[in-house]
PDB file of N, CA and C in Angstrom:
ATOM      1  N   GLN A   1      16.323  -1.773  -5.555  1.00  0.00           N
ATOM      2  CA  GLN A   1      16.858  -0.361  -6.057  1.00  0.00           C
ATOM      3  C   GLN A   1      16.205   0.756  -5.259  1.00  0.00           C
ATOM      4  N   VAL A   2      15.204   0.596  -4.863  1.00  0.00           N
ATOM      5  CA  VAL A   2      14.369   1.752  -4.052  1.00  0.00           C
ATOM      6  C   VAL A   2      14.068   1.173  -2.709  1.00  0.00           C
ATOM      7  N   GLN A   3      14.670   1.851  -1.869  1.00  0.00           N
ATOM      8  CA  GLN A   3      14.324   1.599  -0.186  1.00  0.00           C
ATOM      9  C   GLN A   3      12.917   1.949  -0.022  1.00  0.00           C
ATOM     10  N   LEU A   4      12.204   1.357   0.691  1.00  0.00           N
ATOM     11  CA  LEU A   4      10.738   1.621   1.245  1.00  0.00           C
ATOM     12  C   LEU A   4      10.516   1.555   2.577  1.00  0.00           C
ATOM     13  N   VAL A   5      10.192   2.386   3.349  1.00  0.00           N
ATOM     14  CA  VAL A   5       9.559   2.195   4.765  1.00  0.00           C
ATOM     15  C   VAL A   5       8.386   2.553   5.056  1.00  0.00           C
ATOM     16  N   GLU A   6       7.535   1.485   5.425  1.00  0.00           N
ATOM     17  CA  GLU A   6       6.197   1.953   5.757  1.00  0.00           C
ATOM     18  C   GLU A   6       5.938   2.187   7.073  1.00  0.00           C
ATOM     19  N   SER A   7       5.078   3.004   7.551  1.00  0.00           N
ATOM     20  CA  SER A   7       4.614   3.395   8.861  1.00  0.00           C
ATOM     21  C   SER A   7       3.253   3.669   8.930  1.00  0.00           C
ATOM     22  N   GLY A   8       2.654   3.820  10.154  1.00  0.00           N
ATOM     23  CA  GLY A   8       1.279   4.318  10.348  1.00  0.00           C
ATOM     24  C   GLY A   8       0.329   2.872  10.697  1.00  0.00           C
ATOM     25  N   GLY A   9       0.946   1.737  10.686  1.00  0.00           N
ATOM     26  CA  GLY A   9       0.245   0.637  11.292  1.00  0.00           C
ATOM     27  C   GLY A   9      -0.049   0.503  12.775  1.00  0.00           C
ATOM     28  N   GLY A  10      -1.203  -0.263  12.953  1.00  0.00           N
ATOM     29  CA  GLY A  10      -1.406  -0.313  14.513  1.00  0.00           C
ATOM     30  C   GLY A  10      -2.596  -1.009  14.643  1.00  0.00           C
ATOM     31  N   LEU A  11      -3.233  -0.808  15.867  1.00  0.00           N
ATOM     32  CA  LEU A  11      -4.537  -1.646  16.574  1.00  0.00           C
ATOM     33  C   LEU A  11      -5.446  -0.646  16.327  1.00  0.00           C
ATOM     34  N   VAL A  12      -6.600  -1.171  15.649  1.00  0.00           N
ATOM     35  CA  VAL A  12      -8.015  -0.355  15.402  1.00  0.00           C
ATOM     36  C   VAL A  12      -8.960  -1.385  15.561  1.00  0.00           C
ATOM     37  N   GLN A  13     -10.245  -0.630  15.854  1.00  0.00           N
ATOM     38  CA  GLN A  13     -11.673  -1.602  15.990  1.00  0.00           C
ATOM     39  C   GLN A  13     -12.271  -1.563  14.721  1.00  0.00           C
ATOM     40  N   THR A  14     -12.875  -2.323  14.485  1.00  0.00           N
ATOM     41  CA  THR A  14     -13.726  -2.539  13.195  1.00  0.00           C
ATOM     42  C   THR A  14     -14.607  -1.378  13.155  1.00  0.00           C
ATOM     43  N   GLY A  15     -14.255  -0.802  11.678  1.00  0.00           N
ATOM     44  CA  GLY A  15     -15.319   0.579  11.353  1.00  0.00           C
ATOM     45  C   GLY A  15     -14.436   1.499  11.547  1.00  0.00           C
ATOM     46  N   GLY A  16     -13.265   1.438  12.017  1.00  0.00           N
ATOM     47  CA  GLY A  16     -12.343   2.505  12.190  1.00  0.00           C
ATOM     48  C   GLY A  16     -11.308   2.844  11.019  1.00  0.00           C
ATOM     49  N   SER A  17     -10.588   3.880  11.003  1.00  0.00           N
ATOM     50  CA  SER A  17     -10.020   4.122   9.932  1.00  0.00           C
ATOM     51  C   SER A  17      -8.337   4.223  10.412  1.00  0.00           C
ATOM     52  N   LEU A  18      -7.369   4.153   9.503  1.00  0.00           N
ATOM     53  CA  LEU A  18      -6.169   4.090   9.539  1.00  0.00           C
ATOM     54  C   LEU A  18      -5.473   4.750   8.309  1.00  0.00           C
ATOM     55  N   ARG A  19      -4.250   5.527   8.414  1.00  0.00           N
ATOM     56  CA  ARG A  19      -3.614   5.913   7.247  1.00  0.00           C
ATOM     57  C   ARG A  19      -2.124   5.317   7.285  1.00  0.00           C
ATOM     58  N   LEU A  20      -1.696   4.634   6.163  1.00  0.00           N
ATOM     59  CA  LEU A  20      -0.507   4.120   6.019  1.00  0.00           C
ATOM     60  C   LEU A  20       0.527   5.015   5.201  1.00  0.00           C
ATOM     61  N   SER A  21       1.927   5.099   5.645  1.00  0.00           N
ATOM     62  CA  SER A  21       2.591   5.824   4.842  1.00  0.00           C
ATOM     63  C   SER A  21       3.812   4.924   4.429  1.00  0.00           C
ATOM     64  N   CYS A  22       4.338   5.340   3.356  1.00  0.00           N
ATOM     65  CA  CYS A  22       5.568   4.650   2.721  1.00  0.00           C
ATOM     66  C   CYS A  22       6.463   5.634   2.176  1.00  0.00           C
ATOM     67  N   ALA A  23       7.638   5.847   2.895  1.00  0.00           N
ATOM     68  CA  ALA A  23       8.649   6.740   2.222  1.00  0.00           C
ATOM     69  C   ALA A  23       9.763   6.069   1.487  1.00  0.00           C
ATOM     70  N   ALA A  24       9.845   6.822   0.412  1.00  0.00           N
ATOM     71  CA  ALA A  24      10.944   6.078  -0.420  1.00  0.00           C
ATOM     72  C   ALA A  24      12.053   6.793  -0.399  1.00  0.00           C
ATOM     73  N   SER A  25      13.368   6.191  -0.780  1.00  0.00           N
ATOM     74  CA  SER A  25      14.834   6.888  -0.735  1.00  0.00           C
ATOM     75  C   SER A  25      15.225   7.223  -2.183  1.00  0.00           C
ATOM     76  N   THR A  26      14.553   7.368  -2.860  1.00  0.00           N
ATOM     77  CA  THR A  26      14.958   7.418  -4.580  1.00  0.00           C
ATOM     78  C   THR A  26      14.616   8.972  -4.695  1.00  0.00           C
ATOM     79  N   ARG A  27      15.741   9.636  -5.764  1.00  0.00           N
ATOM     80  CA  ARG A  27      15.509  10.744  -6.137  1.00  0.00           C
ATOM     81  C   ARG A  27      14.658  10.834  -7.315  1.00  0.00           C
ATOM     82  N   THR A  28      14.286   9.739  -7.992  1.00  0.00           N
ATOM     83  CA  THR A  28      13.470   9.607  -9.012  1.00  0.00           C
ATOM     84  C   THR A  28      12.018   8.765  -8.628  1.00  0.00           C
ATOM     85  N   PHE A  29      11.619   9.322  -7.567  1.00  0.00           N
ATOM     86  CA  PHE A  29      10.184   8.710  -7.141  1.00  0.00           C
ATOM     87  C   PHE A  29       9.250   8.772  -7.848  1.00  0.00           C
ATOM     88  N   SER A  30       8.998   9.886  -8.615  1.00  0.00           N
ATOM     89  CA  SER A  30       8.178   9.861  -9.584  1.00  0.00           C
ATOM     90  C   SER A  30       7.826   9.105 -10.782  1.00  0.00           C
ATOM     91  N   MET A  31       9.135   8.440 -11.017  1.00  0.00           N
ATOM     92  CA  MET A  31       9.084   7.504 -12.121  1.00  0.00           C
ATOM     93  C   MET A  31       8.573   6.106 -11.894  1.00  0.00           C
ATOM     94  N   TYR A  32       8.338   5.961 -10.605  1.00  0.00           N
ATOM     95  CA  TYR A  32       7.817   4.637 -10.314  1.00  0.00           C
ATOM     96  C   TYR A  32       6.175   4.604 -10.236  1.00  0.00           C
ATOM     97  N   ILE A  33       5.672   3.353 -10.413  1.00  0.00           N
ATOM     98  CA  ILE A  33       4.329   2.985 -10.247  1.00  0.00           C
ATOM     99  C   ILE A  33       4.517   2.479  -8.898  1.00  0.00           C
ATOM    100  N   MET A  34       3.629   2.874  -7.823  1.00  0.00           N
ATOM    101  CA  MET A  34       3.823   2.506  -6.350  1.00  0.00           C
ATOM    102  C   MET A  34       2.294   1.601  -6.029  1.00  0.00           C
ATOM    103  N   GLY A  35       2.657   0.645  -5.286  1.00  0.00           N
ATOM    104  CA  GLY A  35       1.527  -0.383  -4.821  1.00  0.00           C
ATOM    105  C   GLY A  35       1.480  -0.629  -3.428  1.00  0.00           C
ATOM    106  N   TRP A  36       0.623  -0.745  -3.228  1.00  0.00           N
ATOM    107  CA  TRP A  36       0.191  -1.731  -1.826  1.00  0.00           C
ATOM    108  C   TRP A  36      -0.279  -3.006  -1.909  1.00  0.00           C
ATOM    109  N   PHE A  37       0.150  -3.699  -0.981  1.00  0.00           N
ATOM    110  CA  PHE A  37       0.015  -5.331  -0.927  1.00  0.00           C
ATOM    111  C   PHE A  37      -0.272  -5.799   0.685  1.00  0.00           C
ATOM    112  N   ARG A  38      -0.986  -6.731   0.706  1.00  0.00           N
ATOM    113  CA  ARG A  38      -1.182  -7.041   2.005  1.00  0.00           C
ATOM    114  C   ARG A  38      -1.030  -8.659   2.286  1.00  0.00           C
ATOM    115  N   GLN A  39      -0.516  -9.166   3.377  1.00  0.00           N
ATOM    116  CA  GLN A  39      -0.423 -10.629   3.583  1.00  0.00           C
ATOM    117  C   GLN A  39      -0.822 -10.950   4.905  1.00  0.00           C
ATOM    118  N   ALA A  40      -1.996 -11.415   5.249  1.00  0.00           N
ATOM    119  CA  ALA A  40      -2.378 -12.087   6.380  1.00  0.00           C
ATOM    120  C   ALA A  40      -1.818 -13.603   6.915  1.00  0.00           C
ATOM    121  N   PRO A  41      -1.733 -13.905   7.986  1.00  0.00           N
ATOM    122  CA  PRO A  41      -1.256 -15.070   8.495  1.00  0.00           C
ATOM    123  C   PRO A  41      -1.776 -16.164   7.670  1.00  0.00           C
ATOM    124  N   GLY A  42      -0.916 -17.061   6.990  1.00  0.00           N
ATOM    125  CA  GLY A  42      -1.327 -18.347   6.314  1.00  0.00           C
ATOM    126  C   GLY A  42      -1.862 -17.965   5.044  1.00  0.00           C
ATOM    127  N   LYS A  43      -1.873 -16.793   4.513  1.00  0.00           N
ATOM    128  CA  LYS A  43      -2.458 -16.772   3.242  1.00  0.00           C
ATOM    129  C   LYS A  43      -1.456 -15.988   2.255  1.00  0.00           C
ATOM    130  N   GLU A  44      -1.691 -15.975   0.899  1.00  0.00           N
ATOM    131  CA  GLU A  44      -0.727 -15.550  -0.085  1.00  0.00           C
ATOM    132  C   GLU A  44      -0.803 -13.845   0.054  1.00  0.00           C
ATOM    133  N   ARG A  45       0.222 -13.371  -0.561  1.00  0.00           N
ATOM    134  CA  ARG A  45       0.284 -12.096  -0.532  1.00  0.00           C
ATOM    135  C   ARG A  45      -0.811 -11.580  -1.686  1.00  0.00           C
ATOM    136  N   GLU A  46      -1.323 -10.280  -1.117  1.00  0.00           N
ATOM    137  CA  GLU A  46      -2.686  -9.805  -1.906  1.00  0.00           C
ATOM    138  C   GLU A  46      -2.529  -8.478  -2.253  1.00  0.00           C
ATOM    139  N   PHE A  47      -2.854  -8.171  -3.468  1.00  0.00           N
ATOM    140  CA  PHE A  47      -2.869  -6.983  -4.086  1.00  0.00           C
ATOM    141  C   PHE A  47      -3.998  -6.066  -3.411  1.00  0.00           C
ATOM    142  N   VAL A  48      -3.635  -4.714  -3.143  1.00  0.00           N
ATOM    143  CA  VAL A  48      -4.483  -3.905  -2.554  1.00  0.00           C
ATOM    144  C   VAL A  48      -4.919  -2.731  -3.299  1.00  0.00           C
ATOM    145  N   ALA A  49      -3.743  -2.152  -3.695  1.00  0.00           N
ATOM    146  CA  ALA A  49      -3.918  -0.920  -4.550  1.00  0.00           C
ATOM    147  C   ALA A  49      -2.445  -0.486  -5.218  1.00  0.00           C
ATOM    148  N   ARG A  50      -2.858   0.365  -6.206  1.00  0.00           N
ATOM    149  CA  ARG A  50      -1.830   0.857  -7.153  1.00  0.00           C
ATOM    150  C   ARG A  50      -2.054   2.331  -7.465  1.00  0.00           C
ATOM    151  N   ILE A  51      -1.232   3.014  -7.905  1.00  0.00           N
ATOM    152  CA  ILE A  51      -1.202   4.396  -8.063  1.00  0.00           C
ATOM    153  C   ILE A  51      -0.086   4.534  -9.179  1.00  0.00           C
ATOM    154  N   SER A  52      -0.586   5.385 -10.394  1.00  0.00           N
ATOM    155  CA  SER A  52       0.404   5.858 -11.524  1.00  0.00           C
ATOM    156  C   SER A  52       1.350   6.806 -11.088  1.00  0.00           C
ATOM    157  N   ARG A  53       2.324   6.848 -11.678  1.00  0.00           N
ATOM    158  CA  ARG A  53       3.565   7.823 -11.466  1.00  0.00           C
ATOM    159  C   ARG A  53       3.124   9.296 -11.286  1.00  0.00           C
ATOM    160  N   SER A  54       2.083   9.646 -11.867  1.00  0.00           N
ATOM    161  CA  SER A  54       1.793  11.021 -11.804  1.00  0.00           C
ATOM    162  C   SER A  54       0.580  11.347 -10.815  1.00  0.00           C
ATOM    163  N   GLY A  55      -0.019  10.053 -10.098  1.00  0.00           N
ATOM    164  CA  GLY A  55      -0.991   9.946  -9.277  1.00  0.00           C
ATOM    165  C   GLY A  55      -2.401  10.145  -9.748  1.00  0.00           C
ATOM    166  N   THR A  56      -2.460  10.194 -11.211  1.00  0.00           N
ATOM    167  CA  THR A  56      -3.717  10.307 -12.024  1.00  0.00           C
ATOM    168  C   THR A  56      -4.643   9.101 -12.172  1.00  0.00           C
ATOM    169  N   ILE A  57      -3.993   7.979 -12.126  1.00  0.00           N
ATOM    170  CA  ILE A  57      -4.667   6.786 -12.433  1.00  0.00           C
ATOM    171  C   ILE A  57      -4.415   5.744 -11.041  1.00  0.00           C
ATOM    172  N   THR A  58      -5.796   5.165 -10.652  1.00  0.00           N
ATOM    173  CA  THR A  58      -5.374   4.487  -9.338  1.00  0.00           C
ATOM    174  C   THR A  58      -6.171   3.025  -9.830  1.00  0.00           C
ATOM    175  N   ASN A  59      -5.835   1.935  -8.927  1.00  0.00           N
ATOM    176  CA  ASN A  59      -6.473   0.500  -9.202  1.00  0.00           C
ATOM    177  C   ASN A  59      -6.614   0.123  -7.694  1.00  0.00           C
ATOM    178  N   TYR A  60      -7.678  -0.399  -7.489  1.00  0.00           N
ATOM    179  CA  TYR A  60      -8.110  -1.268  -6.341  1.00  0.00           C
ATOM    180  C   TYR A  60      -8.553  -2.600  -6.625  1.00  0.00           C
ATOM    181  N   ALA A  61      -8.301  -3.445  -5.489  1.00  0.00           N
ATOM    182  CA  ALA A  61      -8.745  -4.730  -5.280  1.00  0.00           C
ATOM    183  C   ALA A  61     -10.242  -4.424  -4.907  1.00  0.00           C
ATOM    184  N   ASP A  62     -11.082  -5.484  -5.426  1.00  0.00           N
ATOM    185  CA  ASP A  62     -12.453  -5.312  -5.341  1.00  0.00           C
ATOM    186  C   ASP A  62     -12.706  -5.139  -3.886  1.00  0.00           C
ATOM    187  N   SER A  63     -11.946  -5.917  -2.949  1.00  0.00           N
ATOM    188  CA  SER A  63     -12.346  -6.122  -1.622  1.00  0.00           C
ATOM    189  C   SER A  63     -12.050  -4.749  -0.730  1.00  0.00           C
ATOM    190  N   VAL A  64     -11.394  -3.685  -1.366  1.00  0.00           N
ATOM    191  CA  VAL A  64     -11.107  -2.588  -0.803  1.00  0.00           C
ATOM    192  C   VAL A  64     -11.566  -1.497  -1.542  1.00  0.00           C
ATOM    193  N   ARG A  65     -12.327  -1.586  -2.660  1.00  0.00           N
ATOM    194  CA  ARG A  65     -12.536  -0.417  -3.646  1.00  0.00           C
ATOM    195  C   ARG A  65     -13.758   0.407  -2.698  1.00  0.00           C
ATOM    196  N   GLY A  66     -13.650   1.567  -2.539  1.00  0.00           N
ATOM    197  CA  GLY A  66     -14.788   2.428  -1.728  1.00  0.00           C
ATOM    198  C   GLY A  66     -14.316   2.608  -0.456  1.00  0.00           C
ATOM    199  N   ARG A  67     -13.311   1.798   0.180  1.00  0.00           N
ATOM    200  CA  ARG A  67     -13.125   1.975   1.467  1.00  0.00           C
ATOM    201  C   ARG A  67     -11.590   2.577   1.651  1.00  0.00           C
ATOM    202  N   PHE A  68     -10.760   2.025   0.897  1.00  0.00           N
ATOM    203  CA  PHE A  68      -9.364   2.546   0.754  1.00  0.00           C
ATOM    204  C   PHE A  68      -9.020   3.603  -0.249  1.00  0.00           C
ATOM    205  N   THR A  69      -8.077   4.471  -0.098  1.00  0.00           N
ATOM    206  CA  THR A  69      -7.677   5.358  -0.996  1.00  0.00           C
ATOM    207  C   THR A  69      -6.139   5.498  -0.993  1.00  0.00           C
ATOM    208  N   ILE A  70      -5.613   5.430  -2.295  1.00  0.00           N
ATOM    209  CA  ILE A  70      -4.195   5.365  -2.360  1.00  0.00           C
ATOM    210  C   ILE A  70      -3.841   6.899  -3.191  1.00  0.00           C
ATOM    211  N   SER A  71      -2.615   7.259  -2.496  1.00  0.00           N
ATOM    212  CA  SER A  71      -2.298   8.740  -2.860  1.00  0.00           C
ATOM    213  C   SER A  71      -0.956   8.695  -3.105  1.00  0.00           C
ATOM    214  N   ARG A  72      -0.281   9.821  -3.314  1.00  0.00           N
ATOM    215  CA  ARG A  72       1.025   9.923  -3.367  1.00  0.00           C
ATOM    216  C   ARG A  72       1.540  11.455  -3.503  1.00  0.00           C
ATOM    217  N   ASP A  73       2.615  11.980  -2.752  1.00  0.00           N
ATOM    218  CA  ASP A  73       3.330  12.997  -2.731  1.00  0.00           C
ATOM    219  C   ASP A  73       4.296  13.023  -3.235  1.00  0.00           C
ATOM    220  N   ASN A  74       4.869  13.146  -4.470  1.00  0.00           N
ATOM    221  CA  ASN A  74       5.967  13.155  -5.138  1.00  0.00           C
ATOM    222  C   ASN A  74       7.036  14.156  -4.626  1.00  0.00           C
ATOM    223  N   ALA A  75       6.473  15.156  -4.150  1.00  0.00           N
ATOM    224  CA  ALA A  75       7.551  16.047  -3.568  1.00  0.00           C
ATOM    225  C   ALA A  75       8.062  15.547  -2.127  1.00  0.00           C
ATOM    226  N   ARG A  76       7.385  14.697  -1.742  1.00  0.00           N
ATOM    227  CA  ARG A  76       7.831  14.152  -0.273  1.00  0.00           C
ATOM    228  C   ARG A  76       8.217  12.862  -0.420  1.00  0.00           C
ATOM    229  N   ASN A  77       8.136  12.107  -1.574  1.00  0.00           N
ATOM    230  CA  ASN A  77       8.462  10.801  -1.884  1.00  0.00           C
ATOM    231  C   ASN A  77       7.769   9.919  -1.104  1.00  0.00           C
ATOM    232  N   THR A  78       6.499  10.244  -0.896  1.00  0.00           N
ATOM    233  CA  THR A  78       5.827   9.382  -0.072  1.00  0.00           C
ATOM    234  C   THR A  78       4.362   8.864  -0.795  1.00  0.00           C
ATOM    235  N   VAL A  79       4.048   7.526  -0.666  1.00  0.00           N
ATOM    236  CA  VAL A  79       2.861   6.941  -1.069  1.00  0.00           C
ATOM    237  C   VAL A  79       1.914   6.778   0.286  1.00  0.00           C
ATOM    238  N   TYR A  80       0.726   7.133   0.033  1.00  0.00           N
ATOM    239  CA  TYR A  80      -0.218   6.923   1.452  1.00  0.00           C
ATOM    240  C   TYR A  80      -1.365   5.857   1.087  1.00  0.00           C
ATOM    241  N   LEU A  81      -1.960   5.170   1.848  1.00  0.00           N
ATOM    242  CA  LEU A  81      -2.952   4.289   2.039  1.00  0.00           C
ATOM    243  C   LEU A  81      -3.926   4.766   2.964  1.00  0.00           C
ATOM    244  N   GLN A  82      -5.256   5.499   2.725  1.00  0.00           N
ATOM    245  CA  GLN A  82      -6.059   5.691   3.799  1.00  0.00           C
ATOM    246  C   GLN A  82      -7.042   4.703   3.672  1.00  0.00           C
ATOM    247  N   MET A  83      -7.332   4.106   4.911  1.00  0.00           N
ATOM    248  CA  MET A  83      -8.141   2.737   5.001  1.00  0.00           C
ATOM    249  C   MET A  83      -9.151   3.139   5.845  1.00  0.00           C
ATOM    250  N   ASN A  84     -10.462   3.188   5.482  1.00  0.00           N
ATOM    251  CA  ASN A  84     -11.772   3.425   6.275  1.00  0.00           C
ATOM    252  C   ASN A  84     -12.460   2.344   6.217  1.00  0.00           C
ATOM    253  N   SER A  85     -13.283   2.516   7.268  1.00  0.00           N
ATOM    254  CA  SER A  85     -14.468   1.004   7.418  1.00  0.00           C
ATOM    255  C   SER A  85     -13.641  -0.181   7.605  1.00  0.00           C
ATOM    256  N   LEU A  86     -12.676  -0.259   8.573  1.00  0.00           N
ATOM    257  CA  LEU A  86     -11.869  -1.440   8.734  1.00  0.00           C
ATOM    258  C   LEU A  86     -12.695  -2.673   8.937  1.00  0.00           C
ATOM    259  N   GLY A  87     -12.435  -3.879   8.583  1.00  0.00           N
ATOM    260  CA  GLY A  87     -12.869  -4.810   8.986  1.00  0.00           C
ATOM    261  C   GLY A  87     -12.180  -5.797   9.412  1.00  0.00           C
ATOM    262  N   LEU A  88     -12.463  -6.950   9.979  1.00  0.00           N
ATOM    263  CA  LEU A  88     -11.437  -8.037  10.475  1.00  0.00           C
ATOM    264  C   LEU A  88     -10.676  -8.789   9.346  1.00  0.00           C
ATOM    265  N   GLY A  89     -11.376  -8.750   8.133  1.00  0.00           N
ATOM    266  CA  GLY A  89     -10.797  -9.296   7.024  1.00  0.00           C
ATOM    267  C   GLY A  89      -9.397  -8.362   6.479  1.00  0.00           C
ATOM    268  N   ASP A  90      -9.208  -7.050   7.199  1.00  0.00           N
ATOM    269  CA  ASP A  90      -8.277  -6.189   6.748  1.00  0.00           C
ATOM    270  C   ASP A  90      -6.948  -6.340   7.499  1.00  0.00           C
ATOM    271  N   THR A  91      -7.066  -7.391   8.681  1.00  0.00           N
ATOM    272  CA  THR A  91      -5.775  -7.555   9.386  1.00  0.00           C
ATOM    273  C   THR A  91      -5.091  -8.203   8.582  1.00  0.00           C
ATOM    274  N   ALA A  92      -3.666  -7.527   8.352  1.00  0.00           N
ATOM    275  CA  ALA A  92      -2.657  -8.143   7.634  1.00  0.00           C
ATOM    276  C   ALA A  92      -1.393  -7.440   7.574  1.00  0.00           C
ATOM    277  N   VAL A  93      -0.298  -7.806   7.252  1.00  0.00           N
ATOM    278  CA  VAL A  93       0.942  -6.926   7.266  1.00  0.00           C
ATOM    279  C   VAL A  93       0.842  -6.280   5.949  1.00  0.00           C
ATOM    280  N   TYR A  94       1.057  -5.042   5.960  1.00  0.00           N
ATOM    281  CA  TYR A  94       0.997  -4.064   4.747  1.00  0.00           C
ATOM    282  C   TYR A  94       2.181  -3.814   4.235  1.00  0.00           C
ATOM    283  N   HIS A  95       2.508  -3.958   2.741  1.00  0.00           N
ATOM    284  CA  HIS A  95       3.902  -3.880   2.174  1.00  0.00           C
ATOM    285  C   HIS A  95       3.554  -2.901   1.253  1.00  0.00           C
ATOM    286  N   CYS A  96       4.235  -1.832   1.012  1.00  0.00           N
ATOM    287  CA  CYS A  96       4.308  -0.856  -0.194  1.00  0.00           C
ATOM    288  C   CYS A  96       5.503  -1.320  -1.265  1.00  0.00           C
ATOM    289  N   ALA A  97       5.263  -1.238  -2.347  1.00  0.00           N
ATOM    290  CA  ALA A  97       6.085  -1.785  -3.356  1.00  0.00           C
ATOM    291  C   ALA A  97       6.340  -0.915  -4.595  1.00  0.00           C
ATOM    292  N   ALA A  98       7.285  -0.836  -5.209  1.00  0.00           N
ATOM    293  CA  ALA A  98       7.648   0.116  -6.492  1.00  0.00           C
ATOM    294  C   ALA A  98       8.095  -0.667  -7.588  1.00  0.00           C
ATOM    295  N   ALA A  99       7.416  -0.128  -8.738  1.00  0.00           N
ATOM    296  CA  ALA A  99       7.619  -0.690  -9.856  1.00  0.00           C
ATOM    297  C   ALA A  99       8.111  -0.106 -11.180  1.00  0.00           C
ATOM    298  N   GLY A 100       8.993  -0.023 -11.491  1.00  0.00           N
ATOM    299  CA  GLY A 100       9.990   0.782 -12.538  1.00  0.00           C
ATOM    300  C   GLY A 100       9.271   0.825 -13.806  1.00  0.00           C
ATOM    301  N   GLY A 101       8.669  -0.608 -14.357  1.00  0.00           N
ATOM    302  CA  GLY A 101       8.167  -0.707 -15.467  1.00  0.00           C
ATOM    303  C   GLY A 101       6.603  -0.924 -15.485  1.00  0.00           C
ATOM    304  N   VAL A 102       5.886  -1.457 -16.261  1.00  0.00           N
ATOM    305  CA  VAL A 102       4.725  -2.076 -16.273  1.00  0.00           C
ATOM    306  C   VAL A 102       4.375  -2.724 -15.134  1.00  0.00           C
ATOM    307  N   ALA A 103       3.244  -2.102 -14.441  1.00  0.00           N
ATOM    308  CA  ALA A 103       2.895  -2.741 -12.799  1.00  0.00           C
ATOM    309  C   ALA A 103       1.500  -3.036 -13.078  1.00  0.00           C
ATOM    310  N   THR A 104       0.969  -4.125 -12.754  1.00  0.00           N
ATOM    311  CA  THR A 104      -0.476  -4.509 -12.471  1.00  0.00           C
ATOM    312  C   THR A 104      -0.608  -5.035 -11.116  1.00  0.00           C
ATOM    313  N   SER A 105      -1.622  -5.964 -10.966  1.00  0.00           N
ATOM    314  CA  SER A 105      -1.632  -6.639  -9.534  1.00  0.00           C
ATOM    315  C   SER A 105      -0.979  -7.664  -9.051  1.00  0.00           C
ATOM    316  N   SER A 106       0.021  -7.928 -10.180  1.00  0.00           N
ATOM    317  CA  SER A 106       1.029  -8.949  -9.848  1.00  0.00           C
ATOM    318  C   SER A 106       2.030  -8.546  -8.973  1.00  0.00           C
ATOM    319  N   PRO A 107       2.510  -9.129  -7.815  1.00  0.00           N
ATOM    320  CA  PRO A 107       3.542  -8.869  -7.186  1.00  0.00           C
ATOM    321  C   PRO A 107       4.989  -8.938  -7.819  1.00  0.00           C
ATOM    322  N   GLN A 108       4.968  -9.747  -9.063  1.00  0.00           N
ATOM    323  CA  GLN A 108       5.968  -9.844  -9.700  1.00  0.00           C
ATOM    324  C   GLN A 108       6.489  -8.807 -10.717  1.00  0.00           C
ATOM    325  N   SER A 109       5.505  -7.754 -10.787  1.00  0.00           N
ATOM    326  CA  SER A 109       5.767  -6.755 -11.585  1.00  0.00           C
ATOM    327  C   SER A 109       6.573  -5.536 -10.861  1.00  0.00           C
ATOM    328  N   TYR A 110       6.682  -5.816  -9.509  1.00  0.00           N
ATOM    329  CA  TYR A 110       7.407  -4.834  -8.513  1.00  0.00           C
ATOM    330  C   TYR A 110       8.796  -5.325  -7.945  1.00  0.00           C
ATOM    331  N   GLU A 111       9.450  -4.396  -8.118  1.00  0.00           N
ATOM    332  CA  GLU A 111      11.118  -4.608  -8.166  1.00  0.00           C
ATOM    333  C   GLU A 111      11.396  -4.481  -6.597  1.00  0.00           C
ATOM    334  N   SER A 112      10.729  -3.579  -5.975  1.00  0.00           N
ATOM    335  CA  SER A 112      11.298  -3.064  -4.369  1.00  0.00           C
ATOM    336  C   SER A 112      10.281  -3.133  -3.516  1.00  0.00           C
ATOM    337  N   TRP A 113      10.569  -3.536  -2.311  1.00  0.00           N
ATOM    338  CA  TRP A 113       9.599  -3.780  -1.431  1.00  0.00           C
ATOM    339  C   TRP A 113       9.806  -3.272   0.119  1.00  0.00           C
ATOM    340  N   GLY A 114       9.175  -2.810   0.577  1.00  0.00           N
ATOM    341  CA  GLY A 114       9.329  -2.480   2.260  1.00  0.00           C
ATOM    342  C   GLY A 114       8.952  -3.645   3.035  1.00  0.00           C
ATOM    343  N   GLN A 115       9.483  -3.218   4.551  1.00  0.00           N
ATOM    344  CA  GLN A 115       9.534  -4.451   5.375  1.00  0.00           C
ATOM    345  C   GLN A 115       7.953  -4.683   5.810  1.00  0.00           C
ATOM    346  N   GLY A 116       7.084  -3.993   5.899  1.00  0.00           N
ATOM    347  CA  GLY A 116       5.620  -4.134   6.002  1.00  0.00           C
ATOM    348  C   GLY A 116       5.359  -3.323   7.359  1.00  0.00           C
ATOM    349  N   THR A 117       4.210  -3.229   7.590  1.00  0.00           N
ATOM    350  CA  THR A 117       3.725  -2.674   8.734  1.00  0.00           C
ATOM    351  C   THR A 117       2.417  -3.342   9.059  1.00  0.00           C
ATOM    352  N   GLN A 118       2.369  -3.595  10.247  1.00  0.00           N
ATOM    353  CA  GLN A 118       1.376  -4.545  11.017  1.00  0.00           C
ATOM    354  C   GLN A 118      -0.226  -3.558  11.066  1.00  0.00           C
ATOM    355  N   VAL A 119      -1.174  -4.096  10.475  1.00  0.00           N
ATOM    356  CA  VAL A 119      -2.550  -3.691  10.750  1.00  0.00           C
ATOM    357  C   VAL A 119      -3.379  -4.495  11.365  1.00  0.00           C
ATOM    358  N   THR A 120      -3.886  -4.493  12.453  1.00  0.00           N
ATOM    359  CA  THR A 120      -4.614  -5.524  13.388  1.00  0.00           C
ATOM    360  C   THR A 120      -5.977  -4.932  13.647  1.00  0.00           C
ATOM    361  N   VAL A 121      -7.115  -5.300  13.032  1.00  0.00           N
ATOM    362  CA  VAL A 121      -8.469  -4.941  13.120  1.00  0.00           C
ATOM    363  C   VAL A 121      -8.864  -5.710  14.390  1.00  0.00           C
ATOM    364  N   SER A 122      -9.850  -5.186  15.465  1.00  0.00           N
ATOM    365  CA  SER A 122     -10.384  -6.080  16.364  1.00  0.00           C
ATOM    366  C   SER A 122     -11.767  -5.666  16.453  1.00  0.00           C
ATOM    367  N   SER A 123     -12.545  -6.480  16.930  1.00  0.00           N
ATOM    368  CA  SER A 123     -13.893  -6.240  16.951  1.00  0.00           C
ATOM    369  C   SER A 123     -14.290  -5.923  18.464  1.00  0.00           C
TER     370      SER A 123
END
């Protein structure tokens, strides 16, 4: 239903920072709960963060809390993921996702997905 396009991935050294962006193609962006997920090679898709429709409520995976910050700009139809203090375990393809209803950490509650952007952390 919602087209999502991620950008901002790349190669960064451990301890570095990166900001991912996700642009949505809907005129009703503010009605969607937005989330970030990641998937490393050979691993299951992992919840990273989500943000409420208004941006007032955020949730984070324990592995990223304190290092990552999710935010959104409803006027620009964009959700962001600021990633700081990156480590080797953060290497993955990062996907943004949109949920029109109740959304949790479960990927099954999200109805639209972006193609993903690669984040590679090197030592």
